[in-house]
Amino acid sequence: AGNSPPAGEKFLGCPYPSGDVWTTDVTHAPLSPNS
C-alpha cells in the first residue's frame, strides 16, 4: 500500500556474504555433467 526499501543484493540492509554463492546470476552458468 506504500513505499518500501528498494530490494537489491542486500539482506535487510546487510550484505550477503561475498562470493559467487547467493547472488551471482547463473543464467549462463555451465550445467553439471550429471544434470
All heavy atoms as atom14 arrays in JSON, in Angstrom:
{
  "sequence": "AGNSPPAGEKFLGCPYPSGDVWTTDVTHAPLSPNS",
  "atom14_mask": [
    [1, 1, 1, 1, 1, 0, 0, 0, 0, 0, 0, 0, 0, 0],
    [1, 1, 1, 1, 0, 0, 0, 0, 0, 0, 0, 0, 0, 0],
    [1, 1, 1, 1, 1, 1, 1, 1, 0, 0, 0, 0, 0, 0],
    [1, 1, 1, 1, 1, 1, 0, 0, 0, 0, 0, 0, 0, 0],
    [1, 1, 1, 1, 1, 1, 1, 0, 0, 0, 0, 0, 0, 0],
    [1, 1, 1, 1, 1, 1, 1, 0, 0, 0, 0, 0, 0, 0],
    [1, 1, 1, 1, 1, 0, 0, 0, 0, 0, 0, 0, 0, 0],
    [1, 1, 1, 1, 0, 0, 0, 0, 0, 0, 0, 0, 0, 0],
    [1, 1, 1, 1, 1, 1, 1, 1, 1, 0, 0, 0, 0, 0],
    [1, 1, 1, 1, 1, 1, 1, 1, 1, 0, 0, 0, 0, 0],
    [1, 1, 1, 1, 1, 1, 1, 1, 1, 1, 1, 0, 0, 0],
    [1, 1, 1, 1, 1, 1, 1, 1, 0, 0, 0, 0, 0, 0],
    [1, 1, 1, 1, 0, 0, 0, 0, 0, 0, 0, 0, 0, 0],
    [1, 1, 1, 1, 1, 1, 0, 0, 0, 0, 0, 0, 0, 0],
    [1, 1, 1, 1, 1, 1, 1, 0, 0, 0, 0, 0, 0, 0],
    [1, 1, 1, 1, 1, 1, 1, 1, 1, 1, 1, 1, 0, 0],
    [1, 1, 1, 1, 1, 1, 1, 0, 0, 0, 0, 0, 0, 0],
    [1, 1, 1, 1, 1, 1, 0, 0, 0, 0, 0, 0, 0, 0],
    [1, 1, 1, 1, 0, 0, 0, 0, 0, 0, 0, 0, 0, 0],
    [1, 1, 1, 1, 1, 1, 1, 1, 0, 0, 0, 0, 0, 0],
    [1, 1, 1, 1, 1, 1, 1, 0, 0, 0, 0, 0, 0, 0],
    [1, 1, 1, 1, 1, 1, 1, 1, 1, 1, 1, 1, 1, 1],
    [1, 1, 1, 1, 1, 1, 1, 0, 0, 0, 0, 0, 0, 0],
    [1, 1, 1, 1, 1, 1, 1, 0, 0, 0, 0, 0, 0, 0],
    [1, 1, 1, 1, 1, 1, 1, 1, 0, 0, 0, 0, 0, 0],
    [1, 1, 1, 1, 1, 1, 1, 0, 0, 0, 0, 0, 0, 0],
    [1, 1, 1, 1, 1, 1, 1, 0, 0, 0, 0, 0, 0, 0],
    [1, 1, 1, 1, 1, 1, 1, 1, 1, 1, 0, 0, 0, 0],
    [1, 1, 1, 1, 1, 0, 0, 0, 0, 0, 0, 0, 0, 0],
    [1, 1, 1, 1, 1, 1, 1, 0, 0, 0, 0, 0, 0, 0],
    [1, 1, 1, 1, 1, 1, 1, 1, 0, 0, 0, 0, 0, 0],
    [1, 1, 1, 1, 1, 1, 0, 0, 0, 0, 0, 0, 0, 0],
    [1, 1, 1, 1, 1, 1, 1, 0, 0, 0, 0, 0, 0, 0],
    [1, 1, 1, 1, 1, 1, 1, 1, 0, 0, 0, 0, 0, 0],
    [1, 1, 1, 1, 1, 1, 0, 0, 0, 0, 0, 0, 0, 0]
  ],
  "atom14_positions": [
    [[0.82, -1.2, 0.0], [0.0, 0.0, 0.0], [0.86, 1.26, 0.0], [0.34, 2.37, -0.08], [-0.93, 0.0, 1.22], [0.0, 0.0, 0.0], [0.0, 0.0, 0.0], [0.0, 0.0, 0.0], [0.0, 0.0, 0.0], [0.0, 0.0, 0.0], [0.0, 0.0, 0.0], [0.0, 0.0, 0.0], [0.0, 0.0, 0.0], [0.0, 0.0, 0.0]],
    [[2.15, 1.13, 0.12], [3.02, 2.3, 0.17], [4.41, 1.98, -0.28], [4.65, 1.03, -1.01], [0.0, 0.0, 0.0], [0.0, 0.0, 0.0], [0.0, 0.0, 0.0], [0.0, 0.0, 0.0], [0.0, 0.0, 0.0], [0.0, 0.0, 0.0], [0.0, 0.0, 0.0], [0.0, 0.0, 0.0], [0.0, 0.0, 0.0], [0.0, 0.0, 0.0]],
    [[5.36, 2.78, 0.17], [6.74, 2.61, -0.24], [7.45, 1.62, 0.66], [7.1, 1.42, 1.81], [7.48, 3.95, -0.19], [6.92, 4.93, -1.2], [6.53, 4.55, -2.29], [6.85, 6.2, -0.82], [0.0, 0.0, 0.0], [0.0, 0.0, 0.0], [0.0, 0.0, 0.0], [0.0, 0.0, 0.0], [0.0, 0.0, 0.0], [0.0, 0.0, 0.0]],
    [[8.49, 1.01, 0.15], [9.32, 0.1, 0.93], [10.75, 0.25, 0.45], [11.0, 0.76, -0.63], [8.85, -1.35, 0.77], [8.97, -1.75, -0.58], [0.0, 0.0, 0.0], [0.0, 0.0, 0.0], [0.0, 0.0, 0.0], [0.0, 0.0, 0.0], [0.0, 0.0, 0.0], [0.0, 0.0, 0.0], [0.0, 0.0, 0.0], [0.0, 0.0, 0.0]],
    [[11.7, -0.18, 1.26], [13.1, -0.06, 0.84], [13.36, -0.8, -0.46], [12.76, -1.85, -0.72], [13.87, -0.71, 2.01], [12.93, -0.63, 3.16], [11.56, -0.77, 2.57], [0.0, 0.0, 0.0], [0.0, 0.0, 0.0], [0.0, 0.0, 0.0], [0.0, 0.0, 0.0], [0.0, 0.0, 0.0], [0.0, 0.0, 0.0], [0.0, 0.0, 0.0]],
    [[14.21, -0.27, -1.31], [14.5, -0.95, -2.57], [15.17, -2.29, -2.33], [15.96, -2.45, -1.4], [15.45, 0.01, -3.29], [16.06, 0.82, -2.19], [15.0, 0.95, -1.16], [0.0, 0.0, 0.0], [0.0, 0.0, 0.0], [0.0, 0.0, 0.0], [0.0, 0.0, 0.0], [0.0, 0.0, 0.0], [0.0, 0.0, 0.0], [0.0, 0.0, 0.0]],
    [[14.83, -3.27, -3.12], [15.43, -4.6, -3.0], [16.66, -4.67, -3.88], [16.64, -4.27, -5.03], [14.43, -5.69, -3.39], [0.0, 0.0, 0.0], [0.0, 0.0, 0.0], [0.0, 0.0, 0.0], [0.0, 0.0, 0.0], [0.0, 0.0, 0.0], [0.0, 0.0, 0.0], [0.0, 0.0, 0.0], [0.0, 0.0, 0.0], [0.0, 0.0, 0.0]],
    [[17.73, -5.17, -3.38], [18.95, -5.34, -4.15], [19.71, -6.52, -3.62], [19.12, -7.45, -3.09], [0.0, 0.0, 0.0], [0.0, 0.0, 0.0], [0.0, 0.0, 0.0], [0.0, 0.0, 0.0], [0.0, 0.0, 0.0], [0.0, 0.0, 0.0], [0.0, 0.0, 0.0], [0.0, 0.0, 0.0], [0.0, 0.0, 0.0], [0.0, 0.0, 0.0]],
    [[20.99, -6.49, -3.74], [21.81, -7.59, -3.23], [22.11, -7.36, -1.77], [23.26, -7.33, -1.34], [23.07, -7.72, -4.08], [22.77, -8.15, -5.5], [24.02, -8.35, -6.31], [25.12, -8.28, -5.73], [23.91, -8.58, -7.52], [0.0, 0.0, 0.0], [0.0, 0.0, 0.0], [0.0, 0.0, 0.0], [0.0, 0.0, 0.0], [0.0, 0.0, 0.0]],
    [[21.05, -7.18, -0.99], [21.16, -6.94, 0.44], [20.17, -7.84, 1.16], [19.13, -8.21, 0.63], [20.85, -5.48, 0.77], [21.86, -4.47, 0.24], [23.13, -4.49, 1.07], [24.09, -3.4, 0.63], [25.33, -3.4, 1.44], [0.0, 0.0, 0.0], [0.0, 0.0, 0.0], [0.0, 0.0, 0.0], [0.0, 0.0, 0.0], [0.0, 0.0, 0.0]],
    [[20.5, -8.15, 2.41], [19.59, -8.9, 3.26], [19.19, -7.97, 4.4], [19.93, -7.79, 5.35], [20.27, -10.17, 3.8], [19.44, -10.92, 4.81], [18.26, -11.52, 4.42], [19.83, -11.0, 6.13], [17.49, -12.21, 5.34], [19.07, -11.69, 7.06], [17.89, -12.29, 6.67], [0.0, 0.0, 0.0], [0.0, 0.0, 0.0], [0.0, 0.0, 0.0]],
    [[18.03, -7.3, 4.22], [17.53, -6.35, 5.22], [18.6, -5.33, 5.61], [18.81, -5.04, 6.78], [17.02, -7.11, 6.45], [15.78, -7.98, 6.19], [15.45, -8.83, 7.41], [14.58, -7.11, 5.82], [0.0, 0.0, 0.0], [0.0, 0.0, 0.0], [0.0, 0.0, 0.0], [0.0, 0.0, 0.0], [0.0, 0.0, 0.0], [0.0, 0.0, 0.0]],
    [[19.26, -4.78, 4.62], [20.26, -3.76, 4.85], [21.67, -4.28, 5.05], [22.62, -3.5, 5.08], [0.0, 0.0, 0.0], [0.0, 0.0, 0.0], [0.0, 0.0, 0.0], [0.0, 0.0, 0.0], [0.0, 0.0, 0.0], [0.0, 0.0, 0.0], [0.0, 0.0, 0.0], [0.0, 0.0, 0.0], [0.0, 0.0, 0.0], [0.0, 0.0, 0.0]],
    [[21.81, -5.58, 5.21], [23.13, -6.19, 5.4], [23.56, -6.86, 4.08], [22.72, -7.25, 3.29], [23.08, -7.23, 6.51], [22.84, -6.53, 8.16], [0.0, 0.0, 0.0], [0.0, 0.0, 0.0], [0.0, 0.0, 0.0], [0.0, 0.0, 0.0], [0.0, 0.0, 0.0], [0.0, 0.0, 0.0], [0.0, 0.0, 0.0], [0.0, 0.0, 0.0]],
    [[24.86, -7.02, 3.88], [25.32, -7.67, 2.67], [25.11, -9.18, 2.74], [25.11, -9.77, 3.82], [26.82, -7.34, 2.64], [27.19, -7.21, 4.08], [26.0, -6.58, 4.74], [0.0, 0.0, 0.0], [0.0, 0.0, 0.0], [0.0, 0.0, 0.0], [0.0, 0.0, 0.0], [0.0, 0.0, 0.0], [0.0, 0.0, 0.0], [0.0, 0.0, 0.0]],
    [[24.91, -9.79, 1.58], [25.06, -11.23, 1.52], [26.56, -11.52, 1.61], [27.38, -10.71, 1.17], [24.51, -11.79, 0.21], [23.01, -11.98, 0.21], [22.16, -10.92, -0.04], [22.46, -13.22, 0.49], [20.78, -11.09, -0.04], [21.09, -13.4, 0.5], [20.25, -12.34, 0.23], [18.89, -12.52, 0.25], [0.0, 0.0, 0.0], [0.0, 0.0, 0.0]],
    [[26.97, -12.65, 2.19], [28.4, -12.96, 2.23], [28.99, -12.91, 0.82], [28.42, -13.47, -0.12], [28.44, -14.39, 2.8], [27.17, -14.51, 3.59], [26.16, -13.7, 2.83], [0.0, 0.0, 0.0], [0.0, 0.0, 0.0], [0.0, 0.0, 0.0], [0.0, 0.0, 0.0], [0.0, 0.0, 0.0], [0.0, 0.0, 0.0], [0.0, 0.0, 0.0]],
    [[30.07, -12.2, 0.66], [30.62, -12.0, -0.68], [31.09, -13.33, -1.27], [31.44, -14.26, -0.57], [31.79, -11.02, -0.62], [32.83, -11.52, 0.21], [0.0, 0.0, 0.0], [0.0, 0.0, 0.0], [0.0, 0.0, 0.0], [0.0, 0.0, 0.0], [0.0, 0.0, 0.0], [0.0, 0.0, 0.0], [0.0, 0.0, 0.0], [0.0, 0.0, 0.0]],
    [[31.09, -13.38, -2.59], [31.43, -14.61, -3.28], [30.38, -14.94, -4.31], [29.45, -14.18, -4.55], [0.0, 0.0, 0.0], [0.0, 0.0, 0.0], [0.0, 0.0, 0.0], [0.0, 0.0, 0.0], [0.0, 0.0, 0.0], [0.0, 0.0, 0.0], [0.0, 0.0, 0.0], [0.0, 0.0, 0.0], [0.0, 0.0, 0.0], [0.0, 0.0, 0.0]],
    [[30.5, -16.11, -4.92], [29.61, -16.44, -6.02], [28.52, -17.43, -5.61], [28.03, -18.2, -6.43], [30.42, -17.02, -7.17], [31.16, -18.29, -6.78], [31.13, -18.65, -5.6], [31.77, -18.93, -7.65], [0.0, 0.0, 0.0], [0.0, 0.0, 0.0], [0.0, 0.0, 0.0], [0.0, 0.0, 0.0], [0.0, 0.0, 0.0], [0.0, 0.0, 0.0]],
    [[28.13, -17.41, -4.35], [27.18, -18.41, -3.88], [25.73, -17.95, -3.97], [24.91, -18.58, -4.64], [27.51, -18.83, -2.42], [26.49, -19.83, -1.92], [28.9, -19.43, -2.37], [0.0, 0.0, 0.0], [0.0, 0.0, 0.0], [0.0, 0.0, 0.0], [0.0, 0.0, 0.0], [0.0, 0.0, 0.0], [0.0, 0.0, 0.0], [0.0, 0.0, 0.0]],
    [[25.37, -16.85, -3.32], [23.97, -16.5, -3.17], [23.47, -15.53, -4.24], [22.29, -15.6, -4.6], [23.71, -15.89, -1.8], [24.32, -16.64, -0.67], [25.27, -16.18, 0.21], [24.07, -17.99, -0.28], [25.61, -17.16, 1.11], [24.89, -18.27, 0.83], [23.22, -18.99, -0.77], [24.89, -19.53, 1.47], [23.23, -20.23, -0.14], [24.05, -20.48, 0.97]],
    [[24.29, -14.62, -4.72], [23.76, -13.52, -5.53], [24.32, -13.46, -6.95], [24.14, -12.47, -7.64], [24.03, -12.18, -4.83], [25.44, -12.02, -4.61], [23.29, -12.1, -3.5], [0.0, 0.0, 0.0], [0.0, 0.0, 0.0], [0.0, 0.0, 0.0], [0.0, 0.0, 0.0], [0.0, 0.0, 0.0], [0.0, 0.0, 0.0], [0.0, 0.0, 0.0]],
    [[24.99, -14.48, -7.41], [25.5, -14.49, -8.77], [24.42, -14.95, -9.75], [23.75, -15.94, -9.53], [26.72, -15.42, -8.88], [27.78, -14.89, -8.1], [27.17, -15.56, -10.33], [0.0, 0.0, 0.0], [0.0, 0.0, 0.0], [0.0, 0.0, 0.0], [0.0, 0.0, 0.0], [0.0, 0.0, 0.0], [0.0, 0.0, 0.0], [0.0, 0.0, 0.0]],
    [[24.27, -14.2, -10.82], [23.33, -14.58, -11.88], [23.9, -15.8, -12.61], [25.0, -15.76, -13.16], [23.17, -13.4, -12.85], [22.02, -13.61, -13.83], [21.87, -14.74, -14.35], [21.28, -12.66, -14.08], [0.0, 0.0, 0.0], [0.0, 0.0, 0.0], [0.0, 0.0, 0.0], [0.0, 0.0, 0.0], [0.0, 0.0, 0.0], [0.0, 0.0, 0.0]],
    [[23.13, -16.89, -12.61], [23.61, -18.14, -13.21], [22.88, -18.45, -14.51], [22.82, -19.6, -14.94], [23.47, -19.32, -12.22], [24.37, -19.13, -11.02], [22.01, -19.51, -11.79], [0.0, 0.0, 0.0], [0.0, 0.0, 0.0], [0.0, 0.0, 0.0], [0.0, 0.0, 0.0], [0.0, 0.0, 0.0], [0.0, 0.0, 0.0], [0.0, 0.0, 0.0]],
    [[22.34, -17.41, -15.16], [21.6, -17.61, -16.41], [22.41, -18.41, -17.42], [21.88, -19.28, -18.12], [21.2, -16.25, -17.01], [20.47, -15.5, -16.05], [20.35, -16.45, -18.25], [0.0, 0.0, 0.0], [0.0, 0.0, 0.0], [0.0, 0.0, 0.0], [0.0, 0.0, 0.0], [0.0, 0.0, 0.0], [0.0, 0.0, 0.0], [0.0, 0.0, 0.0]],
    [[23.7, -18.11, -17.51], [24.55, -18.77, -18.49], [25.59, -19.69, -17.85], [26.57, -20.06, -18.5], [25.25, -17.71, -19.35], [24.3, -16.77, -20.02], [23.43, -17.17, -21.0], [24.07, -15.44, -19.83], [22.71, -16.13, -21.4], [23.06, -15.07, -20.71], [0.0, 0.0, 0.0], [0.0, 0.0, 0.0], [0.0, 0.0, 0.0], [0.0, 0.0, 0.0]],
    [[25.37, -20.07, -16.6], [26.33, -20.94, -15.92], [26.33, -22.33, -16.56], [25.29, -22.83, -17.02], [25.97, -21.05, -14.44], [0.0, 0.0, 0.0], [0.0, 0.0, 0.0], [0.0, 0.0, 0.0], [0.0, 0.0, 0.0], [0.0, 0.0, 0.0], [0.0, 0.0, 0.0], [0.0, 0.0, 0.0], [0.0, 0.0, 0.0], [0.0, 0.0, 0.0]],
    [[27.48, -22.99, -16.6], [27.54, -24.35, -17.18], [26.76, -25.35, -16.34], [26.64, -25.2, -15.11], [29.03, -24.66, -17.18], [29.62, -23.78, -16.11], [28.8, -22.53, -16.13], [0.0, 0.0, 0.0], [0.0, 0.0, 0.0], [0.0, 0.0, 0.0], [0.0, 0.0, 0.0], [0.0, 0.0, 0.0], [0.0, 0.0, 0.0], [0.0, 0.0, 0.0]],
    [[26.25, -26.36, -17.01], [25.49, -27.38, -16.32], [26.41, -28.4, -15.67], [27.53, -28.64, -16.12], [24.56, -28.1, -17.3], [23.5, -27.26, -18.01], [22.58, -28.18, -18.82], [22.7, -26.45, -17.02], [0.0, 0.0, 0.0], [0.0, 0.0, 0.0], [0.0, 0.0, 0.0], [0.0, 0.0, 0.0], [0.0, 0.0, 0.0], [0.0, 0.0, 0.0]],
    [[25.91, -29.03, -14.62], [26.6, -30.17, -14.03], [26.61, -31.31, -15.04], [25.62, -31.53, -15.76], [25.88, -30.6, -12.76], [26.31, -31.88, -12.34], [0.0, 0.0, 0.0], [0.0, 0.0, 0.0], [0.0, 0.0, 0.0], [0.0, 0.0, 0.0], [0.0, 0.0, 0.0], [0.0, 0.0, 0.0], [0.0, 0.0, 0.0], [0.0, 0.0, 0.0]],
    [[27.69, -32.08, -15.11], [27.73, -33.22, -16.05], [26.6, -34.21, -15.83], [26.19, -34.91, -16.76], [29.1, -33.85, -15.78], [29.92, -32.77, -15.18], [28.96, -31.93, -14.39], [0.0, 0.0, 0.0], [0.0, 0.0, 0.0], [0.0, 0.0, 0.0], [0.0, 0.0, 0.0], [0.0, 0.0, 0.0], [0.0, 0.0, 0.0], [0.0, 0.0, 0.0]],
    [[26.09, -34.29, -14.58], [25.02, -35.24, -14.26], [23.65, -34.57, -14.18], [22.72, -35.14, -13.6], [25.33, -35.93, -12.93], [26.54, -36.83, -13.0], [26.79, -37.48, -14.02], [27.31, -36.85, -11.93], [0.0, 0.0, 0.0], [0.0, 0.0, 0.0], [0.0, 0.0, 0.0], [0.0, 0.0, 0.0], [0.0, 0.0, 0.0], [0.0, 0.0, 0.0]],
    [[23.51, -33.41, -14.77], [22.26, -32.66, -14.65], [21.05, -33.49, -15.05], [20.11, -33.65, -14.25], [22.33, -31.39, -15.52], [21.08, -30.73, -15.52], [0.0, 0.0, 0.0], [0.0, 0.0, 0.0], [0.0, 0.0, 0.0], [0.0, 0.0, 0.0], [0.0, 0.0, 0.0], [0.0, 0.0, 0.0], [0.0, 0.0, 0.0], [0.0, 0.0, 0.0]]
  ]
}
